Amino acid sequence: MVLDYALRSLVTWVVDQVGIIPAFLSVTQGLPHRERRRVGFRASIMAAAILMGTALIGNCTPSYR
């Protein structure tokens, strides 16, 4: 149940970039502009790393056809 929720949340973050803007703004509310940009940059780098890692792992898994 928790894993299912986590996977759905991850997919929402990856697929719905425009829809996640309000969540990002609410989470970073009160941070200075410079810090907010830094958090956004780090989040983007981590998301890109996760996507690339998933793509690489997906290519390495055997096909069960």
N, C-alpha and C. Protein backbone atom coordinates (compact mmCIF):
# COMPACT_ATOMS: atom_id res chain seq x y z
N MET A 1 0.83 -1.19 0.00
CA MET A 1 0.00 0.00 0.00
C MET A 1 0.87 1.25 0.00
N VAL A 2 1.87 1.30 0.86
CA VAL A 2 2.75 2.46 0.93
C VAL A 2 3.58 2.55 -0.35
N LEU A 3 4.06 1.42 -0.84
CA LEU A 3 4.84 1.42 -2.07
C LEU A 3 4.00 1.90 -3.25
N ASP A 4 2.77 1.46 -3.30
CA ASP A 4 1.87 1.90 -4.37
C ASP A 4 1.68 3.41 -4.33
N TYR A 5 1.47 3.95 -3.15
CA TYR A 5 1.31 5.40 -3.00
C TYR A 5 2.60 6.13 -3.41
N ALA A 6 3.74 5.61 -3.00
CA ALA A 6 5.01 6.23 -3.35
C ALA A 6 5.23 6.23 -4.86
N LEU A 7 4.91 5.13 -5.52
CA LEU A 7 5.08 5.07 -6.97
C LEU A 7 4.15 6.03 -7.69
N ARG A 8 2.91 6.11 -7.22
CA ARG A 8 1.96 7.05 -7.84
C ARG A 8 2.41 8.49 -7.63
N SER A 9 2.95 8.77 -6.47
CA SER A 9 3.45 10.12 -6.20
C SER A 9 4.63 10.45 -7.10
N LEU A 10 5.53 9.50 -7.27
CA LEU A 10 6.69 9.70 -8.13
C LEU A 10 6.26 9.96 -9.57
N VAL A 11 5.30 9.18 -10.04
CA VAL A 11 4.82 9.36 -11.41
C VAL A 11 4.19 10.74 -11.56
N THR A 12 3.45 11.19 -10.56
CA THR A 12 2.84 12.51 -10.61
C THR A 12 3.91 13.59 -10.70
N TRP A 13 4.96 13.46 -9.93
CA TRP A 13 6.04 14.45 -9.95
C TRP A 13 6.75 14.45 -11.29
N VAL A 14 6.92 13.30 -11.89
CA VAL A 14 7.65 13.21 -13.16
C VAL A 14 6.79 13.66 -14.32
N VAL A 15 5.53 13.27 -14.34
CA VAL A 15 4.68 13.51 -15.49
C VAL A 15 4.03 14.89 -15.47
N ASP A 16 3.62 15.37 -14.32
CA ASP A 16 2.82 16.59 -14.22
C ASP A 16 3.66 17.75 -13.69
N GLN A 17 4.61 18.23 -14.50
CA GLN A 17 5.50 19.29 -14.04
C GLN A 17 4.75 20.60 -13.78
N VAL A 18 3.80 20.96 -14.63
CA VAL A 18 3.06 22.21 -14.44
C VAL A 18 2.17 22.12 -13.22
N GLY A 19 1.57 20.97 -13.00
CA GLY A 19 0.68 20.80 -11.86
C GLY A 19 1.39 20.76 -10.52
N ILE A 20 2.69 20.52 -10.53
CA ILE A 20 3.45 20.42 -9.29
C ILE A 20 3.94 21.79 -8.82
N ILE A 21 3.79 22.82 -9.65
CA ILE A 21 4.26 24.16 -9.28
C ILE A 21 3.65 24.64 -7.97
N PRO A 22 2.32 24.53 -7.77
CA PRO A 22 1.77 24.98 -6.48
C PRO A 22 2.36 24.23 -5.27
N ALA A 23 2.63 22.94 -5.43
CA ALA A 23 3.23 22.18 -4.33
C ALA A 23 4.64 22.68 -4.05
N PHE A 24 5.41 22.94 -5.09
CA PHE A 24 6.77 23.45 -4.91
C PHE A 24 6.74 24.81 -4.22
N LEU A 25 5.84 25.67 -4.65
CA LEU A 25 5.76 27.00 -4.05
C LEU A 25 5.34 26.93 -2.59
N SER A 26 4.43 26.02 -2.26
CA SER A 26 4.01 25.91 -0.86
C SER A 26 5.10 25.31 0.02
N VAL A 27 5.86 24.37 -0.53
CA VAL A 27 6.94 23.75 0.25
C VAL A 27 8.08 24.73 0.47
N THR A 28 8.35 25.58 -0.52
CA THR A 28 9.47 26.51 -0.40
C THR A 28 9.01 27.90 0.07
N GLN A 29 7.79 27.99 0.53
CA GLN A 29 7.27 29.28 1.01
C GLN A 29 8.13 29.79 2.17
N GLY A 30 8.46 31.05 2.13
CA GLY A 30 9.26 31.64 3.18
C GLY A 30 10.76 31.61 2.93
N LEU A 31 11.18 30.87 1.92
CA LEU A 31 12.60 30.84 1.58
C LEU A 31 12.94 32.05 0.73
N PRO A 32 14.14 32.56 0.87
CA PRO A 32 14.56 33.65 -0.02
C PRO A 32 14.61 33.18 -1.47
N HIS A 33 14.52 34.12 -2.40
CA HIS A 33 14.50 33.80 -3.83
C HIS A 33 15.71 32.95 -4.24
N ARG A 34 16.88 33.30 -3.75
CA ARG A 34 18.09 32.56 -4.12
C ARG A 34 18.03 31.11 -3.64
N GLU A 35 17.55 30.92 -2.42
CA GLU A 35 17.45 29.56 -1.86
C GLU A 35 16.38 28.76 -2.60
N ARG A 36 15.29 29.40 -2.97
CA ARG A 36 14.23 28.72 -3.71
C ARG A 36 14.75 28.24 -5.06
N ARG A 37 15.52 29.08 -5.74
CA ARG A 37 16.12 28.66 -7.01
C ARG A 37 17.09 27.50 -6.81
N ARG A 38 17.83 27.53 -5.73
CA ARG A 38 18.78 26.46 -5.44
C ARG A 38 18.06 25.14 -5.19
N VAL A 39 16.98 25.18 -4.44
CA VAL A 39 16.19 23.98 -4.17
C VAL A 39 15.60 23.44 -5.47
N GLY A 40 15.08 24.33 -6.31
CA GLY A 40 14.52 23.91 -7.60
C GLY A 40 15.57 23.27 -8.50
N PHE A 41 16.76 23.85 -8.52
CA PHE A 41 17.84 23.30 -9.34
C PHE A 41 18.25 21.91 -8.84
N ARG A 42 18.40 21.77 -7.54
CA ARG A 42 18.79 20.47 -6.98
C ARG A 42 17.71 19.42 -7.24
N ALA A 43 16.45 19.81 -7.11
CA ALA A 43 15.36 18.88 -7.38
C ALA A 43 15.36 18.45 -8.84
N SER A 44 15.65 19.37 -9.74
CA SER A 44 15.71 19.04 -11.17
C SER A 44 16.85 18.08 -11.47
N ILE A 45 18.00 18.30 -10.86
CA ILE A 45 19.15 17.41 -11.06
C ILE A 45 18.83 16.01 -10.53
N MET A 46 18.22 15.94 -9.36
CA MET A 46 17.88 14.63 -8.80
C MET A 46 16.84 13.91 -9.65
N ALA A 47 15.85 14.65 -10.15
CA ALA A 47 14.83 14.03 -11.01
C ALA A 47 15.46 13.51 -12.30
N ALA A 48 16.37 14.27 -12.88
CA ALA A 48 17.05 13.83 -14.10
C ALA A 48 17.89 12.58 -13.84
N ALA A 49 18.57 12.54 -12.70
CA ALA A 49 19.37 11.37 -12.36
C ALA A 49 18.49 10.14 -12.17
N ILE A 50 17.35 10.31 -11.53
CA ILE A 50 16.43 9.18 -11.33
C ILE A 50 15.91 8.69 -12.67
N LEU A 51 15.53 9.61 -13.56
CA LEU A 51 15.03 9.20 -14.87
C LEU A 51 16.10 8.48 -15.68
N MET A 52 17.33 9.00 -15.67
CA MET A 52 18.40 8.35 -16.42
C MET A 52 18.73 6.97 -15.82
N GLY A 53 18.76 6.90 -14.49
CA GLY A 53 19.02 5.61 -13.84
C GLY A 53 17.95 4.59 -14.16
N THR A 54 16.70 5.02 -14.15
CA THR A 54 15.60 4.12 -14.47
C THR A 54 15.70 3.66 -15.92
N ALA A 55 16.05 4.57 -16.82
CA ALA A 55 16.19 4.20 -18.23
C ALA A 55 17.32 3.18 -18.41
N LEU A 56 18.43 3.37 -17.72
CA LEU A 56 19.55 2.44 -17.83
C LEU A 56 19.20 1.08 -17.24
N ILE A 57 18.57 1.09 -16.10
CA ILE A 57 18.18 -0.19 -15.47
C ILE A 57 17.15 -0.91 -16.31
N GLY A 58 16.22 -0.13 -16.89
CA GLY A 58 15.20 -0.73 -17.74
C GLY A 58 15.78 -1.40 -18.97
N ASN A 59 16.87 -0.84 -19.49
CA ASN A 59 17.51 -1.45 -20.65
C ASN A 59 18.31 -2.69 -20.28
N CYS A 60 18.71 -2.82 -19.03
CA CYS A 60 19.50 -3.96 -18.60
C CYS A 60 18.66 -5.16 -18.17
N THR A 61 17.40 -4.95 -17.89
CA THR A 61 16.56 -6.06 -17.44
C THR A 61 16.25 -6.96 -18.61
N PRO A 62 16.15 -8.25 -18.37
CA PRO A 62 15.87 -9.19 -19.45
C PRO A 62 14.43 -9.06 -19.95
N SER A 63 14.24 -9.39 -21.19
CA SER A 63 12.91 -9.37 -21.77
C SER A 63 12.27 -10.74 -21.60
N TYR A 64 11.03 -10.76 -21.16
CA TYR A 64 10.33 -12.02 -20.92
C TYR A 64 9.26 -12.27 -21.97
N ARG A 65 9.64 -12.20 -23.21
CA ARG A 65 8.67 -12.44 -24.30
C ARG A 65 8.67 -13.86 -24.73
